[in-house]
Amino acid sequence: MRQVSDGFLLNMAEVSGALVGLFLVGVFFFVDTGLGRLEKTREVLAPYFRAGTRIVLVLFAISLLLSLTLVVLDPVWNTLLFAVLSIILLAANLDTAIRMRTVARVTRSTALLVNEVVGTVAVLVIVALPWILGGLHPTREDLTWAILLSFASAFLSVCVLVLSAFDISRFEAAAHKEVGE
C-alpha cells in the first residue's frame, strides 16, 4: 500500500466529522417525528434503531478518531485506541445482530437483513485486517484499511437506515394486519 499522508487522514477526519453531525441531526429528526408515529412496531423498531445508531457512531468514531490520532500520536497509542474501539465495535455489532431477528420478523425487510449480514462481515474485516497485515504492531497503512472500511460501512448503514425509514408506514400496516385490525 502507498504511504498514507497526513493530508489524507485529516480529510477523512473532516468528512467523517461532517457526516456524524448530519447523521445526528437526522437521527434526532427521525426520533422526534418518524418513531413517534409508530403504534404497533415501536417496541421492536426503537431498540433496533438505537442499536443501529450506536454502531454507526462507533464506525464513524473509528474513521474520525483513528484518522486524527494517526497524525499526532505515537503508534502505540493508535494501536491501543484501535483495540479499544474494536472491542466496542464488536459489542455494538452483537447488539444489532441480536435485535435483527425480531425486526426481520416484523418488517420483513430484506434491506435491513442484508445490511446486517454485510455489516457483520465488514466489522470482522475491520477488526481483523490491521492485525493480519501488521501483526501486533499495525502500521499507519494497516490502520488506514480500518479507517476506510469503517467509513464505507457506516455510510452504507446510514443509507439503509434512511431508506428503511421511508418504509415505516408499510411496517406499521403489516403489524396492523397481523393483529387483525
Protein backbone atom coordinates (compact mmCIF):
# COMPACT_ATOMS: atom_id res chain seq x y z
CA MET A 1 0.00 0.00 0.00
CA ARG A 2 1.20 3.53 -0.71
CA GLN A 3 2.30 5.72 2.14
CA VAL A 4 -0.63 7.49 3.82
CA SER A 5 -0.24 11.26 4.09
CA ASP A 6 -1.35 13.48 6.96
CA GLY A 7 -3.48 15.41 4.48
CA PHE A 8 -5.46 12.31 3.53
CA LEU A 9 -6.03 11.37 7.18
CA LEU A 10 -7.14 14.89 8.10
CA ASN A 11 -9.52 14.96 5.12
CA MET A 12 -11.00 11.64 6.26
CA ALA A 13 -11.46 13.10 9.73
CA GLU A 14 -13.18 16.19 8.30
CA VAL A 15 -15.58 14.19 6.17
CA SER A 16 -16.30 11.75 9.00
CA GLY A 17 -16.96 14.58 11.43
CA ALA A 18 -19.32 16.29 8.99
CA LEU A 19 -21.24 13.06 8.39
CA VAL A 20 -21.51 12.39 12.12
CA GLY A 21 -23.10 15.81 12.56
CA LEU A 22 -25.56 15.25 9.73
CA PHE A 23 -26.31 11.77 10.98
CA LEU A 24 -27.09 13.05 14.48
CA VAL A 25 -29.43 15.71 13.10
CA GLY A 26 -31.18 13.05 11.03
CA VAL A 27 -31.48 10.70 14.00
CA PHE A 28 -32.95 13.40 16.23
CA PHE A 29 -35.40 14.36 13.49
CA PHE A 30 -36.40 10.72 12.98
CA VAL A 31 -36.83 10.08 16.70
CA ASP A 32 -38.93 13.22 17.02
CA THR A 33 -41.18 12.58 14.02
CA GLY A 34 -40.95 9.12 12.43
CA LEU A 35 -40.54 6.99 15.51
CA GLY A 36 -43.25 8.92 17.35
CA ARG A 37 -45.84 7.91 14.72
CA LEU A 38 -45.43 4.20 15.35
CA GLU A 39 -48.04 2.35 17.33
CA LYS A 40 -47.59 -1.38 16.86
CA THR A 41 -43.93 -1.68 15.80
CA ARG A 42 -42.28 0.93 18.04
CA GLU A 43 -41.32 -1.58 20.73
CA VAL A 44 -39.47 -3.66 18.14
CA LEU A 45 -38.04 -0.95 15.90
CA ALA A 46 -36.94 1.59 18.52
CA PRO A 47 -34.35 -0.67 20.18
CA TYR A 48 -33.02 -1.76 16.78
CA PHE A 49 -32.70 1.81 15.52
CA ARG A 50 -31.00 2.76 18.79
CA ALA A 51 -28.54 -0.12 18.36
CA GLY A 52 -28.10 0.78 14.69
CA THR A 53 -27.37 4.38 15.62
CA ARG A 54 -24.81 3.20 18.15
CA ILE A 55 -22.91 1.02 15.68
CA VAL A 56 -22.90 3.75 13.01
CA LEU A 57 -21.48 6.20 15.55
CA VAL A 58 -18.79 3.69 16.55
CA LEU A 59 -17.89 3.13 12.89
CA PHE A 60 -17.63 6.86 12.30
CA ALA A 61 -15.63 7.17 15.55
CA ILE A 62 -13.07 4.73 14.17
CA SER A 63 -12.83 6.73 10.98
CA LEU A 64 -12.67 10.08 12.77
CA LEU A 65 -10.57 9.34 15.84
CA LEU A 66 -8.10 6.98 14.21
CA SER A 67 -7.54 9.46 11.37
CA LEU A 68 -6.75 12.20 13.87
CA THR A 69 -4.58 10.13 16.17
CA LEU A 70 -2.52 8.70 13.33
CA VAL A 71 -1.44 12.27 12.58
CA VAL A 72 -0.46 13.32 16.12
CA LEU A 73 0.12 10.31 18.40
CA ASP A 74 2.79 7.64 18.64
CA PRO A 75 1.98 4.26 17.04
CA VAL A 76 1.45 2.52 20.39
CA TRP A 77 -1.44 4.89 21.25
CA ASN A 78 -3.02 4.36 17.83
CA THR A 79 -2.85 0.60 18.33
CA LEU A 80 -4.36 0.90 21.80
CA LEU A 81 -7.15 3.17 20.55
CA PHE A 82 -7.90 0.78 17.71
CA ALA A 83 -8.04 -2.18 20.11
CA VAL A 84 -10.49 -0.37 22.41
CA LEU A 85 -12.66 0.80 19.51
CA SER A 86 -12.61 -2.73 18.07
CA ILE A 87 -13.99 -4.18 21.31
CA ILE A 88 -16.72 -1.53 21.39
CA LEU A 89 -17.50 -2.20 17.71
CA LEU A 90 -17.80 -5.95 18.26
CA ALA A 91 -20.15 -5.40 21.22
CA ALA A 92 -22.28 -2.94 19.22
CA ASN A 93 -22.44 -5.36 16.29
CA LEU A 94 -23.54 -8.19 18.56
CA ASP A 95 -26.31 -5.98 19.93
CA THR A 96 -27.68 -5.13 16.47
CA ALA A 97 -27.40 -8.74 15.31
CA ILE A 98 -29.41 -9.95 18.32
CA ARG A 99 -32.15 -7.36 17.67
CA MET A 100 -32.27 -8.08 13.93
CA ARG A 101 -34.20 -11.33 14.30
CA THR A 102 -37.25 -9.62 15.79
CA VAL A 103 -37.02 -6.70 13.36
CA ALA A 104 -36.81 -9.04 10.36
CA ARG A 105 -39.92 -10.88 11.55
CA VAL A 106 -41.94 -7.67 11.98
CA THR A 107 -40.71 -5.70 8.96
CA ARG A 108 -39.83 -8.46 6.51
CA SER A 109 -37.18 -6.00 5.30
CA THR A 110 -34.54 -7.66 3.18
CA ALA A 111 -32.56 -4.40 3.05
CA LEU A 112 -32.11 -4.33 6.83
CA LEU A 113 -31.26 -8.03 6.93
CA VAL A 114 -28.72 -7.77 4.10
CA ASN A 115 -27.23 -4.67 5.72
CA GLU A 116 -26.84 -6.59 8.98
CA VAL A 117 -25.10 -9.51 7.27
CA VAL A 118 -22.83 -7.26 5.18
CA GLY A 119 -22.18 -5.07 8.21
CA THR A 120 -21.22 -8.04 10.37
CA VAL A 121 -18.76 -9.26 7.75
CA ALA A 122 -17.37 -5.71 7.45
CA VAL A 123 -16.96 -5.46 11.24
CA LEU A 124 -14.98 -8.69 11.31
CA VAL A 125 -12.75 -7.47 8.48
CA ILE A 126 -12.32 -4.02 10.09
CA VAL A 127 -11.23 -5.59 13.36
CA ALA A 128 -9.03 -8.35 11.93
CA LEU A 129 -7.36 -6.83 8.86
CA PRO A 130 -4.93 -4.41 10.57
CA TRP A 131 -3.76 -7.21 12.89
CA ILE A 132 -3.40 -9.62 9.98
CA LEU A 133 -1.44 -7.11 7.90
CA GLY A 134 0.73 -5.66 10.67
CA GLY A 135 0.81 -8.23 13.43
CA LEU A 136 0.84 -6.86 16.96
CA HIS A 137 2.17 -3.52 15.72
CA PRO A 138 0.00 -2.43 12.79
CA THR A 139 1.42 0.45 10.77
CA ARG A 140 -0.30 3.62 9.69
CA GLU A 141 -1.06 1.99 6.35
CA ASP A 142 -2.53 -1.11 8.05
CA LEU A 143 -4.81 1.01 10.22
CA THR A 144 -5.88 3.06 7.20
CA TRP A 145 -7.70 -0.02 5.91
CA ALA A 146 -9.80 0.01 9.09
CA ILE A 147 -10.50 3.71 8.60
CA LEU A 148 -11.64 3.24 5.00
CA LEU A 149 -13.72 0.14 5.72
CA SER A 150 -15.37 1.64 8.81
CA PHE A 151 -16.22 4.79 6.87
CA ALA A 152 -17.70 2.77 3.98
CA SER A 153 -19.63 0.51 6.33
CA ALA A 154 -21.02 3.46 8.29
CA PHE A 155 -22.04 5.21 5.09
CA LEU A 156 -23.77 2.09 3.78
CA SER A 157 -25.61 1.63 7.08
CA VAL A 158 -26.76 5.25 7.06
CA CYS A 159 -28.11 4.80 3.54
CA VAL A 160 -30.01 1.65 4.51
CA LEU A 161 -31.38 3.22 7.71
CA VAL A 162 -32.56 6.29 5.80
CA LEU A 163 -34.19 4.24 3.06
CA SER A 164 -35.83 1.88 5.56
CA ALA A 165 -37.28 4.88 7.41
CA PHE A 166 -39.39 5.53 4.33
CA ASP A 167 -40.92 2.09 4.77
CA ILE A 168 -42.09 2.66 8.34
CA SER A 169 -45.71 3.09 7.33
CA ARG A 170 -45.53 -0.20 5.46
CA PHE A 171 -44.09 -1.90 8.56
CA GLU A 172 -46.84 -0.40 10.68
CA ALA A 173 -49.55 -1.50 8.23
CA ALA A 174 -48.16 -5.04 8.21
CA ALA A 175 -48.25 -5.10 12.02
CA HIS A 176 -51.88 -3.96 11.98
CA LYS A 177 -52.74 -6.82 9.58
CA GLU A 178 -51.02 -9.38 11.84
CA VAL A 179 -53.05 -8.20 14.81
CA GLY A 180 -56.23 -8.23 12.72
CA GLU A 181 -57.14 -4.56 12.96
